N, C-alpha and C. Protein backbone atom coordinates (compact mmCIF):
# COMPACT_ATOMS: atom_id res chain seq x y z
N UNK A 1 -30.87 26.31 17.40
CA UNK A 1 -30.87 25.60 16.13
C UNK A 1 -30.34 26.56 15.06
N UNK A 2 -29.44 26.06 14.21
CA UNK A 2 -28.86 26.90 13.16
C UNK A 2 -29.85 27.15 12.04
N UNK A 3 -29.56 28.17 11.22
CA UNK A 3 -30.41 28.46 10.06
C UNK A 3 -30.47 27.25 9.13
N UNK A 4 -29.35 26.57 8.97
CA UNK A 4 -29.30 25.40 8.09
C UNK A 4 -30.20 24.29 8.63
N UNK A 5 -30.14 24.06 9.94
CA UNK A 5 -30.99 23.02 10.54
C UNK A 5 -32.46 23.38 10.40
N UNK A 6 -32.78 24.66 10.58
CA UNK A 6 -34.17 25.10 10.46
C UNK A 6 -34.68 24.95 9.04
N UNK A 7 -33.79 25.16 8.05
CA UNK A 7 -34.21 25.07 6.65
C UNK A 7 -34.32 23.62 6.18
N UNK A 8 -33.79 22.68 6.96
CA UNK A 8 -33.82 21.28 6.57
C UNK A 8 -32.70 20.91 5.61
N UNK A 9 -31.75 21.84 5.35
CA UNK A 9 -30.64 21.56 4.44
C UNK A 9 -29.71 20.53 5.06
N UNK A 10 -29.18 19.60 4.24
CA UNK A 10 -28.25 18.60 4.78
C UNK A 10 -26.95 19.26 5.19
N UNK A 11 -26.20 18.65 6.12
CA UNK A 11 -24.92 19.22 6.51
C UNK A 11 -23.93 19.12 5.35
N UNK A 12 -23.01 20.06 5.31
CA UNK A 12 -21.97 19.98 4.29
C UNK A 12 -20.96 18.92 4.72
N UNK A 13 -20.17 18.45 3.76
CA UNK A 13 -19.15 17.45 4.08
C UNK A 13 -18.21 17.98 5.15
N UNK A 14 -17.92 19.28 5.11
CA UNK A 14 -17.02 19.89 6.09
C UNK A 14 -17.56 19.85 7.51
N UNK A 15 -18.89 19.68 7.65
CA UNK A 15 -19.50 19.59 8.98
C UNK A 15 -19.48 18.18 9.53
N UNK A 16 -19.10 17.21 8.72
CA UNK A 16 -19.13 15.82 9.16
C UNK A 16 -17.85 15.49 9.90
N UNK A 17 -17.95 14.76 11.01
CA UNK A 17 -16.75 14.40 11.76
C UNK A 17 -15.92 13.37 11.02
N UNK A 18 -14.66 13.22 11.45
CA UNK A 18 -13.78 12.27 10.78
C UNK A 18 -14.00 10.86 11.30
N UNK A 19 -13.24 9.88 10.73
CA UNK A 19 -13.44 8.46 11.03
C UNK A 19 -13.25 8.16 12.51
N UNK A 20 -12.38 8.92 13.20
CA UNK A 20 -12.13 8.64 14.61
C UNK A 20 -13.33 9.01 15.48
N UNK A 21 -14.23 9.82 14.94
CA UNK A 21 -15.38 10.25 15.72
C UNK A 21 -16.58 9.34 15.52
N UNK A 22 -16.38 8.22 14.85
CA UNK A 22 -17.44 7.23 14.76
C UNK A 22 -18.21 7.21 13.46
N UNK A 23 -17.84 8.02 12.48
CA UNK A 23 -18.55 7.95 11.21
C UNK A 23 -18.04 6.76 10.42
N UNK A 24 -18.73 6.46 9.35
CA UNK A 24 -18.29 5.38 8.47
C UNK A 24 -17.64 5.94 7.20
N UNK A 25 -17.34 7.22 7.17
CA UNK A 25 -16.66 7.80 6.02
C UNK A 25 -15.20 7.38 6.03
N UNK A 26 -14.64 6.99 4.88
CA UNK A 26 -13.21 6.66 4.87
C UNK A 26 -12.38 7.94 4.99
N UNK A 27 -11.20 7.79 5.52
CA UNK A 27 -10.25 8.89 5.56
C UNK A 27 -9.60 8.96 4.18
N UNK A 28 -9.34 10.16 3.70
CA UNK A 28 -8.67 10.36 2.42
C UNK A 28 -7.32 11.01 2.70
N UNK A 29 -6.27 10.42 2.15
CA UNK A 29 -4.94 10.95 2.41
C UNK A 29 -4.07 10.87 1.16
N UNK A 30 -2.88 11.45 1.28
CA UNK A 30 -1.88 11.41 0.20
C UNK A 30 -0.63 10.73 0.75
N UNK A 31 0.09 10.07 -0.13
CA UNK A 31 1.38 9.46 0.20
C UNK A 31 2.35 9.80 -0.90
N UNK A 32 3.62 9.91 -0.54
CA UNK A 32 4.67 10.24 -1.50
C UNK A 32 5.66 9.09 -1.60
N UNK A 33 5.81 8.57 -2.80
CA UNK A 33 6.89 7.64 -3.09
C UNK A 33 8.06 8.52 -3.51
N UNK A 34 8.91 8.87 -2.54
CA UNK A 34 9.99 9.82 -2.77
C UNK A 34 11.19 9.09 -3.34
N UNK A 35 11.53 9.41 -4.58
CA UNK A 35 12.69 8.82 -5.25
C UNK A 35 13.87 9.76 -5.07
N UNK A 36 14.94 9.25 -4.48
CA UNK A 36 16.14 10.05 -4.24
C UNK A 36 17.34 9.23 -4.71
N UNK A 37 17.72 9.45 -5.97
CA UNK A 37 18.76 8.62 -6.57
C UNK A 37 18.23 7.22 -6.77
N UNK A 38 18.97 6.21 -6.30
CA UNK A 38 18.56 4.82 -6.40
C UNK A 38 17.79 4.36 -5.17
N UNK A 39 17.44 5.29 -4.30
CA UNK A 39 16.75 4.97 -3.05
C UNK A 39 15.34 5.54 -3.06
N UNK A 40 14.50 4.98 -2.18
CA UNK A 40 13.25 5.65 -1.83
C UNK A 40 13.39 6.08 -0.38
N UNK A 41 12.65 7.10 -0.02
CA UNK A 41 12.69 7.64 1.32
C UNK A 41 11.43 7.20 2.05
N UNK A 42 11.62 6.59 3.21
CA UNK A 42 10.49 6.16 4.04
C UNK A 42 10.64 6.79 5.41
N UNK A 43 9.54 6.80 6.15
CA UNK A 43 9.57 7.33 7.51
C UNK A 43 9.10 6.25 8.47
N UNK A 44 9.61 6.34 9.68
CA UNK A 44 9.23 5.44 10.76
C UNK A 44 8.69 6.30 11.89
N UNK A 45 7.47 6.02 12.31
CA UNK A 45 6.92 6.69 13.48
C UNK A 45 7.47 5.96 14.70
N UNK A 46 8.21 6.65 15.53
CA UNK A 46 8.89 5.99 16.64
C UNK A 46 7.92 5.46 17.70
N UNK A 47 6.65 5.85 17.62
CA UNK A 47 5.66 5.27 18.53
C UNK A 47 5.22 3.89 18.04
N UNK A 48 5.56 3.54 16.79
CA UNK A 48 5.31 2.21 16.23
C UNK A 48 6.60 1.74 15.57
N UNK A 49 7.62 1.47 16.38
CA UNK A 49 8.95 1.17 15.82
C UNK A 49 8.96 -0.05 14.91
N UNK A 50 9.80 0.06 13.88
CA UNK A 50 10.00 -1.05 12.96
C UNK A 50 9.14 -1.02 11.72
N UNK A 51 8.07 -0.26 11.73
CA UNK A 51 7.18 -0.18 10.56
C UNK A 51 7.50 1.09 9.78
N UNK A 52 7.87 0.90 8.53
CA UNK A 52 8.19 2.03 7.66
C UNK A 52 6.99 2.34 6.76
N UNK A 53 6.80 3.62 6.49
CA UNK A 53 5.70 4.08 5.66
C UNK A 53 6.22 5.13 4.69
N UNK A 54 5.46 5.34 3.65
CA UNK A 54 5.74 6.46 2.76
C UNK A 54 5.30 7.73 3.47
N UNK A 55 6.02 8.84 3.29
CA UNK A 55 5.60 10.09 3.90
C UNK A 55 4.22 10.50 3.40
N UNK A 56 3.46 11.14 4.25
CA UNK A 56 2.15 11.62 3.85
C UNK A 56 1.19 11.63 5.00
N UNK A 57 -0.07 11.95 4.69
CA UNK A 57 -1.08 12.01 5.72
C UNK A 57 -2.40 12.50 5.17
N UNK A 58 -3.32 12.80 6.07
CA UNK A 58 -4.67 13.16 5.71
C UNK A 58 -4.79 14.48 4.98
N UNK A 59 -5.76 14.52 4.08
CA UNK A 59 -6.10 15.75 3.37
C UNK A 59 -7.08 16.52 4.24
N UNK A 60 -6.79 17.77 4.52
CA UNK A 60 -7.66 18.59 5.34
C UNK A 60 -8.80 19.14 4.48
N UNK A 61 -9.92 19.45 5.14
CA UNK A 61 -11.09 19.95 4.42
C UNK A 61 -10.71 21.21 3.64
N UNK A 62 -11.03 21.22 2.35
CA UNK A 62 -10.75 22.36 1.48
C UNK A 62 -9.35 22.36 0.88
N UNK A 63 -8.55 21.39 1.22
CA UNK A 63 -7.18 21.30 0.73
C UNK A 63 -7.15 20.37 -0.48
N UNK A 64 -6.43 20.75 -1.53
CA UNK A 64 -6.29 19.86 -2.68
C UNK A 64 -5.28 18.76 -2.35
N UNK A 65 -5.29 17.71 -3.16
CA UNK A 65 -4.33 16.63 -2.95
C UNK A 65 -2.90 17.15 -3.05
N UNK A 66 -2.62 18.00 -4.04
CA UNK A 66 -1.25 18.51 -4.20
C UNK A 66 -0.85 19.43 -3.05
N UNK A 67 -1.79 20.24 -2.56
CA UNK A 67 -1.48 21.08 -1.40
C UNK A 67 -1.19 20.23 -0.18
N UNK A 68 -1.97 19.16 0.02
CA UNK A 68 -1.73 18.25 1.14
C UNK A 68 -0.38 17.56 0.99
N UNK A 69 -0.06 17.15 -0.23
CA UNK A 69 1.23 16.50 -0.48
C UNK A 69 2.39 17.44 -0.13
N UNK A 70 2.30 18.69 -0.58
CA UNK A 70 3.35 19.67 -0.26
C UNK A 70 3.47 19.88 1.24
N UNK A 71 2.35 20.03 1.93
CA UNK A 71 2.36 20.26 3.38
C UNK A 71 2.98 19.07 4.11
N UNK A 72 2.54 17.86 3.76
CA UNK A 72 3.05 16.67 4.43
C UNK A 72 4.55 16.47 4.19
N UNK A 73 5.02 16.74 2.97
CA UNK A 73 6.45 16.61 2.68
C UNK A 73 7.26 17.61 3.48
N UNK A 74 6.76 18.85 3.60
CA UNK A 74 7.46 19.87 4.40
C UNK A 74 7.50 19.45 5.88
N UNK A 75 6.37 18.96 6.39
CA UNK A 75 6.30 18.58 7.80
C UNK A 75 7.20 17.39 8.11
N UNK A 76 7.17 16.37 7.24
CA UNK A 76 7.85 15.11 7.57
C UNK A 76 9.28 15.04 7.06
N UNK A 77 9.58 15.69 5.93
CA UNK A 77 10.93 15.54 5.33
C UNK A 77 11.62 16.87 5.05
N UNK A 78 11.00 17.99 5.38
CA UNK A 78 11.60 19.32 5.18
C UNK A 78 11.95 19.60 3.72
N UNK A 79 11.17 19.04 2.79
CA UNK A 79 11.35 19.29 1.36
C UNK A 79 9.98 19.50 0.73
N UNK A 80 10.03 20.01 -0.48
CA UNK A 80 8.83 20.08 -1.29
C UNK A 80 9.01 19.17 -2.49
N UNK A 81 7.98 19.04 -3.30
CA UNK A 81 8.13 18.23 -4.51
C UNK A 81 8.66 19.07 -5.68
N UNK A 82 9.79 18.64 -6.26
CA UNK A 82 10.25 19.26 -7.51
C UNK A 82 9.36 18.76 -8.64
N UNK A 83 8.99 17.47 -8.57
CA UNK A 83 8.00 16.87 -9.48
C UNK A 83 7.11 15.96 -8.65
N UNK A 84 5.86 15.83 -9.10
CA UNK A 84 4.91 14.94 -8.42
C UNK A 84 3.97 14.39 -9.48
N UNK A 85 4.05 13.09 -9.73
CA UNK A 85 3.21 12.43 -10.72
C UNK A 85 2.30 11.42 -10.01
N UNK A 86 1.00 11.51 -10.31
CA UNK A 86 0.05 10.59 -9.68
C UNK A 86 0.36 9.16 -10.12
N UNK A 87 0.41 8.24 -9.15
CA UNK A 87 0.69 6.84 -9.46
C UNK A 87 -0.55 5.97 -9.31
N UNK A 88 -1.10 5.90 -8.12
CA UNK A 88 -2.23 5.00 -7.88
C UNK A 88 -2.96 5.37 -6.60
N UNK A 89 -4.07 4.68 -6.40
CA UNK A 89 -4.83 4.79 -5.16
C UNK A 89 -4.72 3.47 -4.41
N UNK A 90 -4.56 3.56 -3.10
CA UNK A 90 -4.52 2.39 -2.24
C UNK A 90 -5.73 2.48 -1.32
N UNK A 91 -6.48 1.39 -1.24
CA UNK A 91 -7.57 1.33 -0.28
C UNK A 91 -7.15 0.41 0.86
N UNK A 92 -7.14 0.95 2.07
CA UNK A 92 -6.78 0.18 3.26
C UNK A 92 -8.02 -0.07 4.10
N UNK A 93 -8.24 -1.33 4.43
CA UNK A 93 -9.33 -1.74 5.31
C UNK A 93 -8.78 -2.74 6.30
N UNK A 94 -8.74 -2.38 7.58
CA UNK A 94 -8.28 -3.33 8.58
C UNK A 94 -8.80 -2.95 9.95
N UNK A 95 -8.83 -3.94 10.83
CA UNK A 95 -9.32 -3.73 12.19
C UNK A 95 -8.22 -3.14 13.06
N UNK A 96 -8.62 -2.23 13.94
CA UNK A 96 -7.72 -1.66 14.94
C UNK A 96 -8.42 -1.74 16.28
N UNK A 97 -7.73 -1.37 17.34
CA UNK A 97 -8.37 -1.37 18.65
C UNK A 97 -9.48 -0.31 18.72
N UNK A 98 -9.47 0.65 17.80
CA UNK A 98 -10.53 1.66 17.73
C UNK A 98 -11.70 1.22 16.85
N UNK A 99 -11.55 0.09 16.18
CA UNK A 99 -12.57 -0.38 15.26
C UNK A 99 -12.01 -0.44 13.85
N UNK A 100 -12.90 -0.53 12.89
CA UNK A 100 -12.48 -0.64 11.49
C UNK A 100 -11.82 0.64 11.01
N UNK A 101 -10.65 0.52 10.41
CA UNK A 101 -9.96 1.65 9.78
C UNK A 101 -10.16 1.51 8.29
N UNK A 102 -10.62 2.58 7.65
CA UNK A 102 -10.84 2.59 6.21
C UNK A 102 -10.23 3.88 5.67
N UNK A 103 -9.26 3.76 4.80
CA UNK A 103 -8.57 4.92 4.25
C UNK A 103 -8.32 4.72 2.77
N UNK A 104 -8.52 5.77 2.00
CA UNK A 104 -8.16 5.78 0.58
C UNK A 104 -6.99 6.73 0.45
N UNK A 105 -5.84 6.18 0.02
CA UNK A 105 -4.62 6.97 -0.09
C UNK A 105 -4.25 7.17 -1.56
N UNK A 106 -3.98 8.41 -1.90
CA UNK A 106 -3.55 8.75 -3.26
C UNK A 106 -2.03 8.88 -3.24
N UNK A 107 -1.37 8.06 -4.06
CA UNK A 107 0.09 7.98 -4.04
C UNK A 107 0.67 8.72 -5.24
N UNK A 108 1.65 9.55 -4.96
CA UNK A 108 2.37 10.31 -5.98
C UNK A 108 3.83 9.88 -6.00
N UNK A 109 4.42 9.78 -7.19
CA UNK A 109 5.86 9.58 -7.32
C UNK A 109 6.47 10.97 -7.27
N UNK A 110 7.37 11.19 -6.32
CA UNK A 110 7.90 12.52 -6.06
C UNK A 110 9.41 12.55 -6.18
N UNK A 111 9.91 13.56 -6.84
CA UNK A 111 11.33 13.91 -6.80
C UNK A 111 11.42 15.13 -5.88
N UNK A 112 12.19 15.04 -4.78
CA UNK A 112 12.23 16.16 -3.83
C UNK A 112 13.01 17.35 -4.38
N UNK A 113 12.66 18.55 -3.88
CA UNK A 113 13.35 19.76 -4.31
C UNK A 113 14.59 20.07 -3.46
N UNK A 114 14.98 19.15 -2.61
CA UNK A 114 16.15 19.31 -1.76
C UNK A 114 16.52 17.99 -1.12
N UNK A 115 17.37 18.06 -0.12
CA UNK A 115 17.84 16.86 0.57
C UNK A 115 16.87 16.52 1.72
N UNK A 116 16.14 15.39 1.65
CA UNK A 116 15.19 15.05 2.71
C UNK A 116 15.88 14.79 4.05
N UNK A 117 15.20 15.18 5.12
CA UNK A 117 15.62 14.88 6.49
C UNK A 117 14.37 14.85 7.36
N UNK A 118 14.41 14.11 8.44
CA UNK A 118 13.25 14.00 9.34
C UNK A 118 12.90 15.38 9.87
N UNK A 119 11.64 15.75 9.71
CA UNK A 119 11.22 17.08 10.10
C UNK A 119 10.39 17.16 11.36
N UNK A 120 9.83 16.07 11.80
CA UNK A 120 8.97 16.08 12.99
C UNK A 120 9.61 15.26 14.09
N UNK A 121 9.40 15.70 15.33
CA UNK A 121 9.81 14.87 16.46
C UNK A 121 9.02 13.58 16.40
N UNK A 122 9.64 12.51 16.74
CA UNK A 122 8.95 11.22 16.74
C UNK A 122 9.00 10.51 15.39
N UNK A 123 9.68 11.10 14.39
CA UNK A 123 9.84 10.47 13.09
C UNK A 123 11.31 10.22 12.82
N UNK A 124 11.59 9.11 12.20
CA UNK A 124 12.95 8.79 11.75
C UNK A 124 12.88 8.52 10.26
N UNK A 125 13.80 9.09 9.51
CA UNK A 125 13.84 8.90 8.07
C UNK A 125 14.75 7.73 7.72
N UNK A 126 14.36 6.97 6.70
CA UNK A 126 15.15 5.85 6.22
C UNK A 126 15.30 5.95 4.71
N UNK A 127 16.46 5.54 4.22
CA UNK A 127 16.69 5.39 2.78
C UNK A 127 16.70 3.90 2.48
N UNK A 128 15.87 3.50 1.52
CA UNK A 128 15.78 2.10 1.15
C UNK A 128 16.24 1.94 -0.29
N UNK A 129 17.24 1.10 -0.55
CA UNK A 129 17.62 0.86 -1.94
C UNK A 129 16.43 0.28 -2.71
N UNK A 130 16.08 0.92 -3.82
CA UNK A 130 14.92 0.48 -4.57
C UNK A 130 15.03 -0.99 -4.98
N UNK A 131 16.24 -1.42 -5.30
CA UNK A 131 16.45 -2.81 -5.73
C UNK A 131 16.13 -3.81 -4.62
N UNK A 132 16.10 -3.37 -3.36
CA UNK A 132 15.85 -4.27 -2.24
C UNK A 132 14.47 -4.06 -1.61
N UNK A 133 13.59 -3.32 -2.28
CA UNK A 133 12.31 -2.93 -1.69
C UNK A 133 11.44 -4.13 -1.32
N UNK A 134 11.54 -5.22 -2.06
CA UNK A 134 10.73 -6.39 -1.77
C UNK A 134 10.99 -7.01 -0.41
N UNK A 135 12.16 -6.72 0.17
CA UNK A 135 12.52 -7.26 1.49
C UNK A 135 12.36 -6.23 2.61
N UNK A 136 11.96 -5.01 2.26
CA UNK A 136 11.86 -3.95 3.26
C UNK A 136 10.64 -4.13 4.15
N UNK A 137 10.68 -3.56 5.32
CA UNK A 137 9.58 -3.60 6.27
C UNK A 137 8.65 -2.41 6.02
N UNK A 138 8.19 -2.29 4.77
CA UNK A 138 7.39 -1.15 4.32
C UNK A 138 5.91 -1.52 4.34
N UNK A 139 5.11 -0.64 4.91
CA UNK A 139 3.66 -0.86 5.01
C UNK A 139 2.92 0.18 4.21
N UNK A 140 1.79 -0.12 3.63
CA UNK A 140 1.17 -1.45 3.61
C UNK A 140 2.01 -2.42 2.76
N UNK A 141 2.04 -3.66 3.19
CA UNK A 141 2.88 -4.65 2.51
C UNK A 141 2.44 -4.89 1.08
N UNK A 142 1.15 -4.71 0.79
CA UNK A 142 0.69 -4.89 -0.60
C UNK A 142 1.34 -3.86 -1.51
N UNK A 143 1.54 -2.65 -1.04
CA UNK A 143 2.20 -1.63 -1.85
C UNK A 143 3.68 -1.98 -2.02
N UNK A 144 4.31 -2.45 -0.96
CA UNK A 144 5.71 -2.90 -1.06
C UNK A 144 5.85 -3.97 -2.13
N UNK A 145 4.91 -4.91 -2.14
CA UNK A 145 4.95 -6.00 -3.11
C UNK A 145 4.78 -5.49 -4.54
N UNK A 146 3.95 -4.47 -4.72
CA UNK A 146 3.79 -3.86 -6.05
C UNK A 146 5.10 -3.21 -6.49
N UNK A 147 5.76 -2.49 -5.58
CA UNK A 147 7.02 -1.82 -5.92
C UNK A 147 8.12 -2.81 -6.29
N UNK A 148 8.04 -4.01 -5.80
CA UNK A 148 9.04 -5.03 -6.11
C UNK A 148 8.89 -5.56 -7.54
N UNK A 149 7.75 -5.26 -8.17
CA UNK A 149 7.52 -5.72 -9.55
C UNK A 149 8.15 -4.75 -10.55
N UNK A 150 8.55 -5.28 -11.69
CA UNK A 150 9.17 -4.41 -12.69
C UNK A 150 8.16 -3.48 -13.35
N UNK A 151 6.87 -3.82 -13.32
CA UNK A 151 5.84 -2.99 -13.95
C UNK A 151 5.08 -2.12 -12.94
N UNK A 152 5.73 -1.75 -11.82
CA UNK A 152 5.04 -1.04 -10.74
C UNK A 152 4.42 0.28 -11.20
N UNK A 153 5.00 0.95 -12.19
CA UNK A 153 4.43 2.22 -12.65
C UNK A 153 3.12 2.03 -13.42
N UNK A 154 2.78 0.81 -13.77
CA UNK A 154 1.55 0.53 -14.53
C UNK A 154 0.34 0.29 -13.63
N UNK A 155 0.53 0.20 -12.33
CA UNK A 155 -0.58 -0.05 -11.41
C UNK A 155 -1.45 1.19 -11.30
N UNK A 156 -2.72 1.01 -11.00
CA UNK A 156 -3.62 2.15 -10.85
C UNK A 156 -4.41 2.12 -9.55
N UNK A 157 -4.76 0.94 -9.07
CA UNK A 157 -5.54 0.86 -7.84
C UNK A 157 -5.15 -0.41 -7.11
N UNK A 158 -5.06 -0.33 -5.81
CA UNK A 158 -4.59 -1.45 -5.01
C UNK A 158 -5.41 -1.53 -3.74
N UNK A 159 -5.96 -2.69 -3.46
CA UNK A 159 -6.64 -2.91 -2.19
C UNK A 159 -5.64 -3.56 -1.26
N UNK A 160 -5.22 -2.81 -0.25
CA UNK A 160 -4.12 -3.25 0.59
C UNK A 160 -4.56 -3.90 1.89
N UNK A 161 -5.84 -3.95 2.17
CA UNK A 161 -6.29 -4.55 3.42
C UNK A 161 -7.55 -5.34 3.18
N UNK A 162 -8.06 -5.97 4.23
CA UNK A 162 -9.27 -6.79 4.11
C UNK A 162 -10.17 -6.53 5.31
N UNK A 163 -11.44 -6.73 5.10
CA UNK A 163 -12.35 -6.81 6.23
C UNK A 163 -12.05 -8.10 6.97
N UNK A 164 -12.35 -8.12 8.24
CA UNK A 164 -12.02 -9.29 9.06
C UNK A 164 -12.68 -10.56 8.55
N UNK A 165 -13.88 -10.47 7.96
CA UNK A 165 -14.57 -11.68 7.52
C UNK A 165 -14.21 -12.10 6.09
N UNK A 166 -13.22 -11.49 5.47
CA UNK A 166 -12.78 -11.84 4.11
C UNK A 166 -11.74 -12.94 4.07
N UNK A 167 -11.39 -13.55 5.18
CA UNK A 167 -10.28 -14.51 5.22
C UNK A 167 -10.50 -15.64 4.28
């Protein structure tokens, strides 16, 4: 038994397992709306072909949102952020074969510090004309729909998914 267990102290957040290990804690991640000229940059995971997403991923324990954003951009697009402005939070709730997925994603509008290119095996990069974003196969679709609006920069929070019984 550890000293902490003997003292009756609660576990730290860093000791808690992630959502895949059966906890009910939501995953916290960052996403980048990468603006490159008149296009946005999206990525496609080739293990789920046809679905485009904004670059990004989970925030690691002890990592700030901006540090996670920089790491994810380097990993997925081989660039860093020249600028990064916080846009909104997206809450995703949906059923998967593993059970309920719950994630809170913090989205930043990013201007890259170089020319983006796919950085990881299994990823394909896409350029989407911003003017055509409403027709793109971009997920979550609720975020795509927000980007199609002229006032998209005014949004602050978006619930992009539903519990199964919310129909």
